Amino acid sequence: MMMKQLIQKAKIKFFEPDEVSGPAVRRMASPLKGALLNRPSPEQQRIQHLENQIQQLRADVARWKSSSLCFAHEVRDLLTD
């Protein structure tokens, strides 16, 4: 019940009565509602997913560099023997 009251106060405070329409209120209230419930928005979830992918790719690149270096040393040792 408290959340509905907060959203209603936000509507009254930030909009003139003739500017408030159903879709506009839903668009504006959705991020507010998510923030109040402490849930990440879809945009925040997407950003987190992309950050995780970047971290994984960086780890993969580091492993490939290490593997390449080891392989290069082995080839060098074989060629110098």
PDB file of N, CA and C in Angstrom:
ATOM      1  N   MET A   1       0.825  -1.183   0.000  1.00  0.00           N
ATOM      2  CA  MET A   1       0.000   0.000   0.000  1.00  0.00           C
ATOM      3  C   MET A   1       0.868   1.245   0.000  1.00  0.00           C
ATOM      4  N   MET A   2       1.962   1.208   0.712  1.00  0.00           N
ATOM      5  CA  MET A   2       2.832   2.375   0.811  1.00  0.00           C
ATOM      6  C   MET A   2       3.415   2.737  -0.554  1.00  0.00           C
ATOM      7  N   MET A   3       3.755   1.722  -1.359  1.00  0.00           N
ATOM      8  CA  MET A   3       4.328   1.980  -2.665  1.00  0.00           C
ATOM      9  C   MET A   3       3.328   2.708  -3.560  1.00  0.00           C
ATOM     10  N   LYS A   4       2.078   2.304  -3.514  1.00  0.00           N
ATOM     11  CA  LYS A   4       1.057   2.979  -4.316  1.00  0.00           C
ATOM     12  C   LYS A   4       0.946   4.441  -3.924  1.00  0.00           C
ATOM     13  N   GLN A   5       1.045   4.710  -2.644  1.00  0.00           N
ATOM     14  CA  GLN A   5       0.983   6.093  -2.182  1.00  0.00           C
ATOM     15  C   GLN A   5       2.189   6.893  -2.673  1.00  0.00           C
ATOM     16  N   LEU A   6       3.379   6.280  -2.644  1.00  0.00           N
ATOM     17  CA  LEU A   6       4.583   6.964  -3.133  1.00  0.00           C
ATOM     18  C   LEU A   6       4.479   7.273  -4.620  1.00  0.00           C
ATOM     19  N   ILE A   7       4.000   6.294  -5.376  1.00  0.00           N
ATOM     20  CA  ILE A   7       3.843   6.504  -6.815  1.00  0.00           C
ATOM     21  C   ILE A   7       2.809   7.579  -7.084  1.00  0.00           C
ATOM     22  N   GLN A   8       1.730   7.571  -6.352  1.00  0.00           N
ATOM     23  CA  GLN A   8       0.691   8.590  -6.528  1.00  0.00           C
ATOM     24  C   GLN A   8       1.249   9.974  -6.211  1.00  0.00           C
ATOM     25  N   LYS A   9       2.021  10.100  -5.139  1.00  0.00           N
ATOM     26  CA  LYS A   9       2.637  11.380  -4.795  1.00  0.00           C
ATOM     27  C   LYS A   9       3.596  11.824  -5.892  1.00  0.00           C
ATOM     28  N   ALA A  10       4.340  10.872  -6.457  1.00  0.00           N
ATOM     29  CA  ALA A  10       5.273  11.212  -7.531  1.00  0.00           C
ATOM     30  C   ALA A  10       4.510  11.717  -8.750  1.00  0.00           C
ATOM     31  N   LYS A  11       3.381  11.104  -9.063  1.00  0.00           N
ATOM     32  CA  LYS A  11       2.560  11.556 -10.192  1.00  0.00           C
ATOM     33  C   LYS A  11       2.090  12.989  -9.964  1.00  0.00           C
ATOM     34  N   ILE A  12       1.601  13.248  -8.785  1.00  0.00           N
ATOM     35  CA  ILE A  12       1.067  14.573  -8.484  1.00  0.00           C
ATOM     36  C   ILE A  12       2.188  15.603  -8.488  1.00  0.00           C
ATOM     37  N   LYS A  13       3.326  15.251  -7.947  1.00  0.00           N
ATOM     38  CA  LYS A  13       4.424  16.204  -7.808  1.00  0.00           C
ATOM     39  C   LYS A  13       5.065  16.547  -9.151  1.00  0.00           C
ATOM     40  N   PHE A  14       5.243  15.595 -10.021  1.00  0.00           N
ATOM     41  CA  PHE A  14       6.026  15.811 -11.243  1.00  0.00           C
ATOM     42  C   PHE A  14       5.206  16.056 -12.495  1.00  0.00           C
ATOM     43  N   PHE A  15       3.905  15.894 -12.459  1.00  0.00           N
ATOM     44  CA  PHE A  15       3.085  16.082 -13.643  1.00  0.00           C
ATOM     45  C   PHE A  15       1.929  17.023 -13.356  1.00  0.00           C
ATOM     46  N   GLU A  16       1.576  17.766 -14.344  1.00  0.00           N
ATOM     47  CA  GLU A  16       0.329  18.520 -14.269  1.00  0.00           C
ATOM     48  C   GLU A  16      -0.790  17.540 -14.596  1.00  0.00           C
ATOM     49  N   PRO A  17      -1.995  17.716 -14.061  1.00  0.00           N
ATOM     50  CA  PRO A  17      -3.065  16.737 -14.290  1.00  0.00           C
ATOM     51  C   PRO A  17      -3.358  16.482 -15.770  1.00  0.00           C
ATOM     52  N   ASP A  18      -3.264  17.494 -16.632  1.00  0.00           N
ATOM     53  CA  ASP A  18      -3.585  17.257 -18.043  1.00  0.00           C
ATOM     54  C   ASP A  18      -2.453  16.553 -18.788  1.00  0.00           C
ATOM     55  N   GLU A  19      -1.265  16.459 -18.175  1.00  0.00           N
ATOM     56  CA  GLU A  19      -0.135  15.789 -18.817  1.00  0.00           C
ATOM     57  C   GLU A  19      -0.086  14.297 -18.493  1.00  0.00           C
ATOM     58  N   VAL A  20      -0.844  13.874 -17.526  1.00  0.00           N
ATOM     59  CA  VAL A  20      -0.790  12.484 -17.088  1.00  0.00           C
ATOM     60  C   VAL A  20      -1.702  11.635 -17.962  1.00  0.00           C
ATOM     61  N   SER A  21      -1.105  10.637 -18.579  1.00  0.00           N
ATOM     62  CA  SER A  21      -1.890   9.671 -19.334  1.00  0.00           C
ATOM     63  C   SER A  21      -1.455   8.285 -18.889  1.00  0.00           C
ATOM     64  N   GLY A  22      -2.276   7.307 -19.136  1.00  0.00           N
ATOM     65  CA  GLY A  22      -1.981   5.945 -18.693  1.00  0.00           C
ATOM     66  C   GLY A  22      -0.621   5.436 -19.131  1.00  0.00           C
ATOM     67  N   PRO A  23      -0.315   5.426 -20.456  1.00  0.00           N
ATOM     68  CA  PRO A  23       0.984   4.906 -20.894  1.00  0.00           C
ATOM     69  C   PRO A  23       2.158   5.716 -20.358  1.00  0.00           C
ATOM     70  N   ALA A  24       2.010   7.028 -20.303  1.00  0.00           N
ATOM     71  CA  ALA A  24       3.111   7.870 -19.807  1.00  0.00           C
ATOM     72  C   ALA A  24       3.385   7.574 -18.344  1.00  0.00           C
ATOM     73  N   VAL A  25       2.345   7.410 -17.576  1.00  0.00           N
ATOM     74  CA  VAL A  25       2.518   7.117 -16.149  1.00  0.00           C
ATOM     75  C   VAL A  25       3.178   5.757 -15.969  1.00  0.00           C
ATOM     76  N   ARG A  26       2.744   4.779 -16.756  1.00  0.00           N
ATOM     77  CA  ARG A  26       3.346   3.448 -16.637  1.00  0.00           C
ATOM     78  C   ARG A  26       4.824   3.482 -17.005  1.00  0.00           C
ATOM     79  N   ARG A  27       5.170   4.235 -18.063  1.00  0.00           N
ATOM     80  CA  ARG A  27       6.589   4.333 -18.446  1.00  0.00           C
ATOM     81  C   ARG A  27       7.406   4.997 -17.346  1.00  0.00           C
ATOM     82  N   MET A  28       6.868   6.025 -16.744  1.00  0.00           N
ATOM     83  CA  MET A  28       7.600   6.745 -15.709  1.00  0.00           C
ATOM     84  C   MET A  28       7.600   5.977 -14.388  1.00  0.00           C
ATOM     85  N   ALA A  29       6.519   5.292 -14.076  1.00  0.00           N
ATOM     86  CA  ALA A  29       6.402   4.608 -12.794  1.00  0.00           C
ATOM     87  C   ALA A  29       7.181   3.299 -12.779  1.00  0.00           C
ATOM     88  N   SER A  30       7.375   2.671 -13.931  1.00  0.00           N
ATOM     89  CA  SER A  30       8.049   1.383 -13.973  1.00  0.00           C
ATOM     90  C   SER A  30       9.464   1.432 -13.402  1.00  0.00           C
ATOM     91  N   PRO A  31      10.329   2.360 -13.853  1.00  0.00           N
ATOM     92  CA  PRO A  31      11.664   2.421 -13.241  1.00  0.00           C
ATOM     93  C   PRO A  31      11.612   2.790 -11.756  1.00  0.00           C
ATOM     94  N   LEU A  32      10.679   3.682 -11.402  1.00  0.00           N
ATOM     95  CA  LEU A  32      10.524   4.074 -10.001  1.00  0.00           C
ATOM     96  C   LEU A  32      10.114   2.872  -9.163  1.00  0.00           C
ATOM     97  N   LYS A  33       9.184   2.117  -9.663  1.00  0.00           N
ATOM     98  CA  LYS A  33       8.701   0.938  -8.946  1.00  0.00           C
ATOM     99  C   LYS A  33       9.826  -0.081  -8.789  1.00  0.00           C
ATOM    100  N   GLY A  34      10.590  -0.312  -9.862  1.00  0.00           N
ATOM    101  CA  GLY A  34      11.717  -1.242  -9.787  1.00  0.00           C
ATOM    102  C   GLY A  34      12.768  -0.782  -8.792  1.00  0.00           C
ATOM    103  N   ALA A  35      13.035   0.513  -8.764  1.00  0.00           N
ATOM    104  CA  ALA A  35      14.012   1.048  -7.817  1.00  0.00           C
ATOM    105  C   ALA A  35      13.522   0.882  -6.387  1.00  0.00           C
ATOM    106  N   LEU A  36      12.242   1.115  -6.177  1.00  0.00           N
ATOM    107  CA  LEU A  36      11.699   0.974  -4.838  1.00  0.00           C
ATOM    108  C   LEU A  36      11.726  -0.478  -4.370  1.00  0.00           C
ATOM    109  N   LEU A  37      11.566  -1.398  -5.286  1.00  0.00           N
ATOM    110  CA  LEU A  37      11.592  -2.811  -4.936  1.00  0.00           C
ATOM    111  C   LEU A  37      13.011  -3.378  -4.945  1.00  0.00           C
ATOM    112  N   ASN A  38      13.977  -2.537  -5.280  1.00  0.00           N
ATOM    113  CA  ASN A  38      15.390  -2.917  -5.319  1.00  0.00           C
ATOM    114  C   ASN A  38      15.661  -4.038  -6.319  1.00  0.00           C
ATOM    115  N   ARG A  39      14.973  -3.979  -7.456  1.00  0.00           N
ATOM    116  CA  ARG A  39      15.187  -4.934  -8.537  1.00  0.00           C
ATOM    117  C   ARG A  39      15.907  -4.216  -9.664  1.00  0.00           C
ATOM    118  N   PRO A  40      16.863  -4.892 -10.308  1.00  0.00           N
ATOM    119  CA  PRO A  40      17.514  -4.250 -11.456  1.00  0.00           C
ATOM    120  C   PRO A  40      16.555  -4.148 -12.630  1.00  0.00           C
ATOM    121  N   SER A  41      16.640  -3.051 -13.349  1.00  0.00           N
ATOM    122  CA  SER A  41      15.809  -2.867 -14.532  1.00  0.00           C
ATOM    123  C   SER A  41      16.332  -3.754 -15.651  1.00  0.00           C
ATOM    124  N   PRO A  42      15.561  -3.948 -16.701  1.00  0.00           N
ATOM    125  CA  PRO A  42      16.060  -4.746 -17.836  1.00  0.00           C
ATOM    126  C   PRO A  42      17.357  -4.174 -18.410  1.00  0.00           C
ATOM    127  N   GLU A  43      17.472  -2.843 -18.431  1.00  0.00           N
ATOM    128  CA  GLU A  43      18.698  -2.224 -18.934  1.00  0.00           C
ATOM    129  C   GLU A  43      19.873  -2.558 -18.027  1.00  0.00           C
ATOM    130  N   GLN A  44      19.648  -2.519 -16.726  1.00  0.00           N
ATOM    131  CA  GLN A  44      20.711  -2.846 -15.783  1.00  0.00           C
ATOM    132  C   GLN A  44      21.103  -4.318 -15.899  1.00  0.00           C
ATOM    133  N   GLN A  45      20.122  -5.174 -16.113  1.00  0.00           N
ATOM    134  CA  GLN A  45      20.417  -6.599 -16.295  1.00  0.00           C
ATOM    135  C   GLN A  45      21.241  -6.812 -17.557  1.00  0.00           C
ATOM    136  N   ARG A  46      20.892  -6.109 -18.633  1.00  0.00           N
ATOM    137  CA  ARG A  46      21.628  -6.234 -19.891  1.00  0.00           C
ATOM    138  C   ARG A  46      23.067  -5.741 -19.728  1.00  0.00           C
ATOM    139  N   ILE A  47      23.237  -4.619 -19.031  1.00  0.00           N
ATOM    140  CA  ILE A  47      24.585  -4.092 -18.784  1.00  0.00           C
ATOM    141  C   ILE A  47      25.406  -5.093 -17.978  1.00  0.00           C
ATOM    142  N   GLN A  48      24.809  -5.661 -16.948  1.00  0.00           N
ATOM    143  CA  GLN A  48      25.515  -6.648 -16.129  1.00  0.00           C
ATOM    144  C   GLN A  48      25.902  -7.865 -16.963  1.00  0.00           C
ATOM    145  N   HIS A  49      24.992  -8.317 -17.815  1.00  0.00           N
ATOM    146  CA  HIS A  49      25.286  -9.460 -18.686  1.00  0.00           C
ATOM    147  C   HIS A  49      26.471  -9.144 -19.604  1.00  0.00           C
ATOM    148  N   LEU A  50      26.468  -7.953 -20.206  1.00  0.00           N
ATOM    149  CA  LEU A  50      27.566  -7.566 -21.095  1.00  0.00           C
ATOM    150  C   LEU A  50      28.885  -7.420 -20.340  1.00  0.00           C
ATOM    151  N   GLU A  51      28.836  -6.883 -19.125  1.00  0.00           N
ATOM    152  CA  GLU A  51      30.053  -6.773 -18.319  1.00  0.00           C
ATOM    153  C   GLU A  51      30.612  -8.158 -17.988  1.00  0.00           C
ATOM    154  N   ASN A  52      29.722  -9.103 -17.706  1.00  0.00           N
ATOM    155  CA  ASN A  52      30.171 -10.479 -17.448  1.00  0.00           C
ATOM    156  C   ASN A  52      30.813 -11.084 -18.688  1.00  0.00           C
ATOM    157  N   GLN A  53      30.225 -10.829 -19.853  1.00  0.00           N
ATOM    158  CA  GLN A  53      30.808 -11.333 -21.096  1.00  0.00           C
ATOM    159  C   GLN A  53      32.179 -10.731 -21.348  1.00  0.00           C
ATOM    160  N   ILE A  54      32.327  -9.439 -21.114  1.00  0.00           N
ATOM    161  CA  ILE A  54      33.621  -8.777 -21.300  1.00  0.00           C
ATOM    162  C   ILE A  54      34.666  -9.403 -20.382  1.00  0.00           C
ATOM    163  N   GLN A  55      34.296  -9.618 -19.129  1.00  0.00           N
ATOM    164  CA  GLN A  55      35.216 -10.233 -18.173  1.00  0.00           C
ATOM    165  C   GLN A  55      35.627 -11.626 -18.643  1.00  0.00           C
ATOM    166  N   GLN A  56      34.671 -12.411 -19.141  1.00  0.00           N
ATOM    167  CA  GLN A  56      34.978 -13.754 -19.624  1.00  0.00           C
ATOM    168  C   GLN A  56      35.896 -13.702 -20.842  1.00  0.00           C
ATOM    169  N   LEU A  57      35.614 -12.786 -21.759  1.00  0.00           N
ATOM    170  CA  LEU A  57      36.451 -12.662 -22.951  1.00  0.00           C
ATOM    171  C   LEU A  57      37.883 -12.245 -22.595  1.00  0.00           C
ATOM    172  N   ARG A  58      38.027 -11.347 -21.640  1.00  0.00           N
ATOM    173  CA  ARG A  58      39.369 -10.933 -21.212  1.00  0.00           C
ATOM    174  C   ARG A  58      40.121 -12.106 -20.602  1.00  0.00           C
ATOM    175  N   ALA A  59      39.421 -12.927 -19.816  1.00  0.00           N
ATOM    176  CA  ALA A  59      40.053 -14.114 -19.235  1.00  0.00           C
ATOM    177  C   ALA A  59      40.454 -15.092 -20.332  1.00  0.00           C
ATOM    178  N   ASP A  60      39.592 -15.258 -21.336  1.00  0.00           N
ATOM    179  CA  ASP A  60      39.916 -16.142 -22.462  1.00  0.00           C
ATOM    180  C   ASP A  60      41.141 -15.646 -23.214  1.00  0.00           C
ATOM    181  N   VAL A  61      41.214 -14.339 -23.461  1.00  0.00           N
ATOM    182  CA  VAL A  61      42.370 -13.761 -24.166  1.00  0.00           C
ATOM    183  C   VAL A  61      43.644 -14.005 -23.365  1.00  0.00           C
ATOM    184  N   ALA A  62      43.579 -13.825 -22.058  1.00  0.00           N
ATOM    185  CA  ALA A  62      44.754 -14.056 -21.205  1.00  0.00           C
ATOM    186  C   ALA A  62      45.206 -15.512 -21.295  1.00  0.00           C
ATOM    187  N   ARG A  63      44.242 -16.451 -21.294  1.00  0.00           N
ATOM    188  CA  ARG A  63      44.597 -17.871 -21.420  1.00  0.00           C
ATOM    189  C   ARG A  63      45.212 -18.164 -22.781  1.00  0.00           C
ATOM    190  N   TRP A  64      44.653 -17.576 -23.845  1.00  0.00           N
ATOM    191  CA  TRP A  64      45.204 -17.792 -25.184  1.00  0.00           C
ATOM    192  C   TRP A  64      46.618 -17.239 -25.294  1.00  0.00           C
ATOM    193  N   LYS A  65      46.860 -16.081 -24.697  1.00  0.00           N
ATOM    194  CA  LYS A  65      48.212 -15.497 -24.719  1.00  0.00           C
ATOM    195  C   LYS A  65      49.189 -16.407 -23.989  1.00  0.00           C
ATOM    196  N   SER A  66      48.787 -16.897 -22.841  1.00  0.00           N
ATOM    197  CA  SER A  66      49.646 -17.780 -22.066  1.00  0.00           C
ATOM    198  C   SER A  66      49.932 -19.070 -22.833  1.00  0.00           C
ATOM    199  N   SER A  67      48.895 -19.634 -23.421  1.00  0.00           N
ATOM    200  CA  SER A  67      49.070 -20.868 -24.199  1.00  0.00           C
ATOM    201  C   SER A  67      49.974 -20.630 -25.403  1.00  0.00           C
ATOM    202  N   SER A  68      49.796 -19.503 -26.062  1.00  0.00           N
ATOM    203  CA  SER A  68      50.620 -19.180 -27.227  1.00  0.00           C
ATOM    204  C   SER A  68      52.079 -19.036 -26.838  1.00  0.00           C
ATOM    205  N   LEU A  69      52.311 -18.399 -25.707  1.00  0.00           N
ATOM    206  CA  LEU A  69      53.673 -18.204 -25.240  1.00  0.00           C
ATOM    207  C   LEU A  69      54.333 -19.539 -24.916  1.00  0.00           C
ATOM    208  N   CYS A  70      53.593 -20.412 -24.230  1.00  0.00           N
ATOM    209  CA  CYS A  70      54.123 -21.746 -23.915  1.00  0.00           C
ATOM    210  C   CYS A  70      54.428 -22.523 -25.195  1.00  0.00           C
ATOM    211  N   PHE A  71      53.519 -22.465 -26.157  1.00  0.00           N
ATOM    212  CA  PHE A  71      53.724 -23.163 -27.423  1.00  0.00           C
ATOM    213  C   PHE A  71      54.948 -22.610 -28.154  1.00  0.00           C
ATOM    214  N   ALA A  72      55.115 -21.295 -28.153  1.00  0.00           N
ATOM    215  CA  ALA A  72      56.264 -20.674 -28.819  1.00  0.00           C
ATOM    216  C   ALA A  72      57.567 -21.118 -28.165  1.00  0.00           C
ATOM    217  N   HIS A  73      57.593 -21.207 -26.842  1.00  0.00           N
ATOM    218  CA  HIS A  73      58.799 -21.672 -26.155  1.00  0.00           C
ATOM    219  C   HIS A  73      59.105 -23.131 -26.495  1.00  0.00           C
ATOM    220  N   GLU A  74      58.107 -23.965 -26.564  1.00  0.00           N
ATOM    221  CA  GLU A  74      58.310 -25.369 -26.912  1.00  0.00           C
ATOM    222  C   GLU A  74      58.848 -25.503 -28.333  1.00  0.00           C
ATOM    223  N   VAL A  75      58.268 -24.732 -29.268  1.00  0.00           N
ATOM    224  CA  VAL A  75      58.743 -24.786 -30.656  1.00  0.00           C
ATOM    225  C   VAL A  75      60.178 -24.309 -30.725  1.00  0.00           C
ATOM    226  N   ARG A  76      60.482 -23.228 -30.032  1.00  0.00           N
ATOM    227  CA  ARG A  76      61.851 -22.707 -30.029  1.00  0.00           C
ATOM    228  C   ARG A  76      62.821 -23.749 -29.484  1.00  0.00           C
ATOM    229  N   ASP A  77      62.429 -24.413 -28.391  1.00  0.00           N
ATOM    230  CA  ASP A  77      63.298 -25.432 -27.791  1.00  0.00           C
ATOM    231  C   ASP A  77      63.483 -26.608 -28.762  1.00  0.00           C
ATOM    232  N   LEU A  78      62.444 -26.987 -29.487  1.00  0.00           N
ATOM    233  CA  LEU A  78      62.575 -28.088 -30.446  1.00  0.00           C
ATOM    234  C   LEU A  78      63.484 -27.718 -31.606  1.00  0.00           C
ATOM    235  N   LEU A  79      63.385 -26.454 -32.043  1.00  0.00           N
ATOM    236  CA  LEU A  79      64.189 -26.017 -33.180  1.00  0.00           C
ATOM    237  C   LEU A  79      65.669 -25.801 -32.815  1.00  0.00           C
ATOM    238  N   THR A  80      65.944 -25.490 -31.543  1.00  0.00           N
ATOM    239  CA  THR A  80      67.327 -25.242 -31.145  1.00  0.00           C
ATOM    240  C   THR A  80      68.036 -26.526 -30.755  1.00  0.00           C
ATOM    241  N   ASP A  81      67.362 -27.622 -30.555  1.00  0.00           N
ATOM    242  CA  ASP A  81      67.995 -28.886 -30.172  1.00  0.00           C
ATOM    243  C   ASP A  81      68.690 -29.523 -31.315  1.00  0.00           C
TER     244      ASP A  81
END
